[in-house]
């Protein structure tokens, strides 16, 4: 697997502290957390035995280029959308 993405609201701490180190140990090159509370996408790269060595937050107005798909450019606005926290359904 080249990339995994999690959408997090109430599970954010669990995703980042429990799942992501496991993803890194498994060799998944890139892991994203769509952080709904902060309205950003955290991109984690450079997996190691201890987790991901690099983490960058992308906010609205920015564009993400996945490491495994360098010809793809995804605006954060299209991932986050018009959500305002807290999200009401």
C-alpha atoms as a PDB file:
ATOM      1  CA  UNK A   1       0.000   0.000   0.000  1.00  0.00           C
ATOM      2  CA  UNK A   2       1.384   3.399  -0.981  1.00  0.00           C
ATOM      3  CA  UNK A   3      -0.983   5.770   0.815  1.00  0.00           C
ATOM      4  CA  UNK A   4      -3.640   5.580   3.490  1.00  0.00           C
ATOM      5  CA  UNK A   5      -5.996   8.335   4.635  1.00  0.00           C
ATOM      6  CA  UNK A   6      -8.035   8.593   7.821  1.00  0.00           C
ATOM      7  CA  UNK A   7     -10.825  11.102   8.402  1.00  0.00           C
ATOM      8  CA  UNK A   8     -10.724  12.022  12.072  1.00  0.00           C
ATOM      9  CA  UNK A   9     -13.040  13.829  14.390  1.00  0.00           C
ATOM     10  CA  UNK A  10     -13.340  12.172  17.787  1.00  0.00           C
ATOM     11  CA  UNK A  11     -10.791   9.444  16.909  1.00  0.00           C
ATOM     12  CA  UNK A  12      -7.932  11.838  16.106  1.00  0.00           C
ATOM     13  CA  UNK A  13      -5.661  10.978  19.052  1.00  0.00           C
ATOM     14  CA  UNK A  14      -6.169   7.238  18.539  1.00  0.00           C
ATOM     15  CA  UNK A  15      -5.498   7.518  14.803  1.00  0.00           C
ATOM     16  CA  UNK A  16      -2.291   9.513  15.244  1.00  0.00           C
ATOM     17  CA  UNK A  17      -0.875   7.771  18.330  1.00  0.00           C
ATOM     18  CA  UNK A  18      -1.959   4.166  17.767  1.00  0.00           C
ATOM     19  CA  UNK A  19      -2.761   3.522  14.125  1.00  0.00           C
ATOM     20  CA  UNK A  20      -0.100   5.652  12.450  1.00  0.00           C
ATOM     21  CA  UNK A  21       2.904   4.007  14.144  1.00  0.00           C
ATOM     22  CA  UNK A  22       1.481   0.650  13.002  1.00  0.00           C
ATOM     23  CA  UNK A  23       1.091   1.936   9.449  1.00  0.00           C
ATOM     24  CA  UNK A  24       4.698   3.158   9.485  1.00  0.00           C
ATOM     25  CA  UNK A  25       5.981  -0.171  10.826  1.00  0.00           C
ATOM     26  CA  UNK A  26       4.037  -1.897   8.032  1.00  0.00           C
ATOM     27  CA  UNK A  27       5.929   0.188   5.475  1.00  0.00           C
ATOM     28  CA  UNK A  28       3.059   2.356   4.238  1.00  0.00           C
ATOM     29  CA  UNK A  29       4.968   5.223   2.621  1.00  0.00           C
ATOM     30  CA  UNK A  30       2.464   7.995   3.281  1.00  0.00           C
ATOM     31  CA  UNK A  31      -0.407   8.439   5.727  1.00  0.00           C
ATOM     32  CA  UNK A  32      -2.875  11.319   5.849  1.00  0.00           C
ATOM     33  CA  UNK A  33      -5.154  12.454   8.647  1.00  0.00           C
ATOM     34  CA  UNK A  34      -8.028  14.674   7.604  1.00  0.00           C
ATOM     35  CA  UNK A  35      -8.226  16.599  10.876  1.00  0.00           C
ATOM     36  CA  UNK A  36     -11.761  17.975  10.977  1.00  0.00           C
ATOM     37  CA  UNK A  37     -11.261  19.850  14.260  1.00  0.00           C
ATOM     38  CA  UNK A  38      -8.353  21.916  12.891  1.00  0.00           C
ATOM     39  CA  UNK A  39      -9.606  22.013   9.306  1.00  0.00           C
ATOM     40  CA  UNK A  40      -6.380  20.646   7.857  1.00  0.00           C
ATOM     41  CA  UNK A  41      -4.807  17.547   6.369  1.00  0.00           C
ATOM     42  CA  UNK A  42      -1.721  16.175   8.106  1.00  0.00           C
ATOM     43  CA  UNK A  43       0.601  14.346   5.724  1.00  0.00           C
ATOM     44  CA  UNK A  44       3.002  11.897   7.359  1.00  0.00           C
ATOM     45  CA  UNK A  45       5.933  10.475   5.364  1.00  0.00           C
ATOM     46  CA  UNK A  46       9.252   8.684   5.846  1.00  0.00           C
ATOM     47  CA  UNK A  47       8.098   5.626   7.805  1.00  0.00           C
ATOM     48  CA  UNK A  48      10.418   4.086  10.383  1.00  0.00           C
ATOM     49  CA  UNK A  49      10.179   1.575  13.208  1.00  0.00           C
ATOM     50  CA  UNK A  50       9.037   4.368  15.533  1.00  0.00           C
ATOM     51  CA  UNK A  51       6.438   6.046  13.307  1.00  0.00           C
ATOM     52  CA  UNK A  52       6.649   8.655  10.588  1.00  0.00           C
ATOM     53  CA  UNK A  53       9.708  10.904  10.651  1.00  0.00           C
ATOM     54  CA  UNK A  54       8.102  13.769   8.712  1.00  0.00           C
ATOM     55  CA  UNK A  55       4.753  15.469   9.294  1.00  0.00           C
ATOM     56  CA  UNK A  56       3.371  18.512   7.472  1.00  0.00           C
ATOM     57  CA  UNK A  57       0.006  20.230   7.979  1.00  0.00           C
ATOM     58  CA  UNK A  58      -1.781  21.443   4.859  1.00  0.00           C
ATOM     59  CA  UNK A  59      -4.523  24.012   5.361  1.00  0.00           C
ATOM     60  CA  UNK A  60      -7.293  25.408   3.183  1.00  0.00           C
ATOM     61  CA  UNK A  61      -5.878  27.262   0.198  1.00  0.00           C
ATOM     62  CA  UNK A  62      -2.970  24.822  -0.076  1.00  0.00           C
ATOM     63  CA  UNK A  63      -2.472  21.889  -2.439  1.00  0.00           C
ATOM     64  CA  UNK A  64      -1.160  18.412  -1.609  1.00  0.00           C
ATOM     65  CA  UNK A  65       0.868  16.327  -4.028  1.00  0.00           C
ATOM     66  CA  UNK A  66       1.040  12.706  -2.852  1.00  0.00           C
ATOM     67  CA  UNK A  67       4.580  11.337  -2.917  1.00  0.00           C
ATOM     68  CA  UNK A  68       3.513   8.237  -4.842  1.00  0.00           C
ATOM     69  CA  UNK A  69       1.542  10.231  -7.446  1.00  0.00           C
ATOM     70  CA  UNK A  70       3.660  13.279  -8.257  1.00  0.00           C
ATOM     71  CA  UNK A  71       1.412  14.270 -11.170  1.00  0.00           C
ATOM     72  CA  UNK A  72      -1.666  14.546  -8.910  1.00  0.00           C
ATOM     73  CA  UNK A  73      -2.407  17.831  -7.123  1.00  0.00           C
ATOM     74  CA  UNK A  74      -5.279  17.890  -4.624  1.00  0.00           C
ATOM     75  CA  UNK A  75      -6.535  21.172  -3.156  1.00  0.00           C
ATOM     76  CA  UNK A  76      -7.140  20.858   0.588  1.00  0.00           C
ATOM     77  CA  UNK A  77     -10.407  22.761   0.066  1.00  0.00           C
ATOM     78  CA  UNK A  78     -11.687  19.789  -1.953  1.00  0.00           C
ATOM     79  CA  UNK A  79     -10.841  17.384   0.874  1.00  0.00           C
ATOM     80  CA  UNK A  80     -12.088  19.491   3.786  1.00  0.00           C
ATOM     81  CA  UNK A  81     -14.917  21.141   1.859  1.00  0.00           C
ATOM     82  CA  UNK A  82     -17.016  23.761   3.569  1.00  0.00           C
ATOM     83  CA  UNK A  83     -17.106  21.954   6.925  1.00  0.00           C
ATOM     84  CA  UNK A  84     -17.073  24.042  10.042  1.00  0.00           C
ATOM     85  CA  UNK A  85     -16.335  22.414  13.367  1.00  0.00           C
ATOM     86  CA  UNK A  86     -18.299  21.155  15.149  1.00  0.00           C
ATOM     87  CA  UNK A  87     -19.976  19.373  12.277  1.00  0.00           C
ATOM     88  CA  UNK A  88     -23.725  19.148  12.502  1.00  0.00           C
ATOM     89  CA  UNK A  89     -25.590  16.515  10.568  1.00  0.00           C
END
